[in-house]
Each structure stands twice: as C-alpha cells, then as structure tokens.
Protein backbone atom coordinates (compact mmCIF):
# COMPACT_ATOMS: atom_id res chain seq x y z
CA UNK A 1 0.17 0.04 0.01
CA UNK A 2 1.08 3.27 -0.52
CA UNK A 3 1.86 5.71 1.32
CA UNK A 4 0.99 9.55 1.59
CA UNK A 5 4.21 10.42 0.57
CA UNK A 6 4.49 7.99 -2.15
CA UNK A 7 1.32 9.39 -3.48
CA UNK A 8 2.00 13.37 -3.67
CA UNK A 9 5.60 12.73 -5.08
CA UNK A 10 3.67 14.15 -8.28
CA UNK A 11 3.03 17.50 -6.94
CA UNK A 12 4.43 20.48 -8.35
CA UNK A 13 6.38 22.55 -4.91
CA UNK A 14 7.57 25.82 -5.43
CA UNK A 15 9.78 27.62 -2.41
CA UNK A 16 10.32 30.78 -2.30
CA UNK A 17 12.11 32.74 0.03
CA UNK A 18 13.49 36.72 0.99
CA UNK A 19 17.07 36.48 1.78
CA UNK A 20 17.31 38.08 4.42
CA UNK A 21 13.95 37.72 5.96
CA UNK A 22 13.87 37.49 9.58
CA UNK A 23 10.81 35.63 10.09
CA UNK A 24 12.04 32.93 8.87
CA UNK A 25 15.36 32.07 8.16
CA UNK A 26 17.33 30.81 5.32
CA UNK A 27 18.68 27.85 7.09
CA UNK A 28 15.29 26.88 8.32
CA UNK A 29 14.03 27.97 4.66
CA UNK A 30 17.12 26.06 2.60
CA UNK A 31 16.46 22.15 5.48
CA UNK A 32 12.91 22.32 4.77
CA UNK A 33 13.56 22.49 1.14
CA UNK A 34 16.21 19.28 1.68
CA UNK A 35 13.76 17.58 3.90
CA UNK A 36 10.90 17.59 1.33
CA UNK A 37 13.91 16.55 -1.66
CA UNK A 38 15.23 13.42 1.10
CA UNK A 39 11.38 12.74 1.04
CA UNK A 40 11.27 12.44 -2.66
CA UNK A 41 9.61 15.75 -3.28
CA UNK A 42 11.42 17.54 -6.37
CA UNK A 43 10.89 21.51 -5.23
CA UNK A 44 11.50 24.52 -7.80
CA UNK A 45 13.66 26.56 -5.36
CA UNK A 46 13.76 30.81 -5.14
CA UNK A 47 14.91 33.84 -3.39
CA UNK A 48 15.25 37.24 -3.49
CA UNK A 49 16.79 39.70 -1.63
CA UNK A 50 13.68 40.86 0.12
CA UNK A 51 12.10 40.54 3.74
CA UNK A 52 9.19 38.56 4.40
CA UNK A 53 7.51 40.22 1.67
CA UNK A 54 6.12 39.87 -2.12
CA UNK A 55 8.33 41.92 -5.15
CA UNK A 56 7.00 41.84 -7.98
CA UNK A 57 10.00 39.13 -9.45
CA UNK A 58 8.57 36.69 -6.95
CA UNK A 59 5.16 36.98 -8.70
CA UNK A 60 6.75 36.60 -12.29
CA UNK A 61 8.22 33.62 -11.04
CA UNK A 62 4.79 32.43 -9.52
CA UNK A 63 3.06 33.03 -12.84
CA UNK A 64 5.68 31.44 -15.30
CA UNK A 65 5.40 28.66 -12.69
CA UNK A 66 2.01 28.14 -12.25
CA UNK A 67 2.11 28.74 -15.77
CA UNK A 68 4.12 25.11 -16.69
CA UNK A 69 2.64 23.26 -13.96
CA UNK A 70 -1.17 23.59 -14.51
C-alpha cells in the first residue's frame, strides 16, 4: 500500500524565500527544502533579496511556474 508521501510526490512544489527574511531564517527554509527532497519531492526553489514580503520578480516567477505546471 502506498503511503501519503508516495501518493503526493508528483504534486508540484514551488518554494520562494527572501534572503533577508527576519521571520523564517534562510537556514530553516533551506532545511525544509532538503527534507522535502529527502522524501522524494521535487521543489522548485527561488530566493529574492527581500524580507518577509512579496516582490514583483516573485510574482512573475509564480506566474511562470503556474503556467508551466497547470
């Protein structure tokens, strides 16, 4: 029987993170991505020179990613 990890491994994941984020450290974000990859997920990674926010470049990247995966 498949477990939830195997069932969900084909779900696209996009991770975006600000390099100056004071709320979620870059180390924690990278650790999370590594754990996802260890579990067999493929996570698209994008980082931006910003704090805990959204920037126009991120919006463009999210749009492009959504157009690719949908």
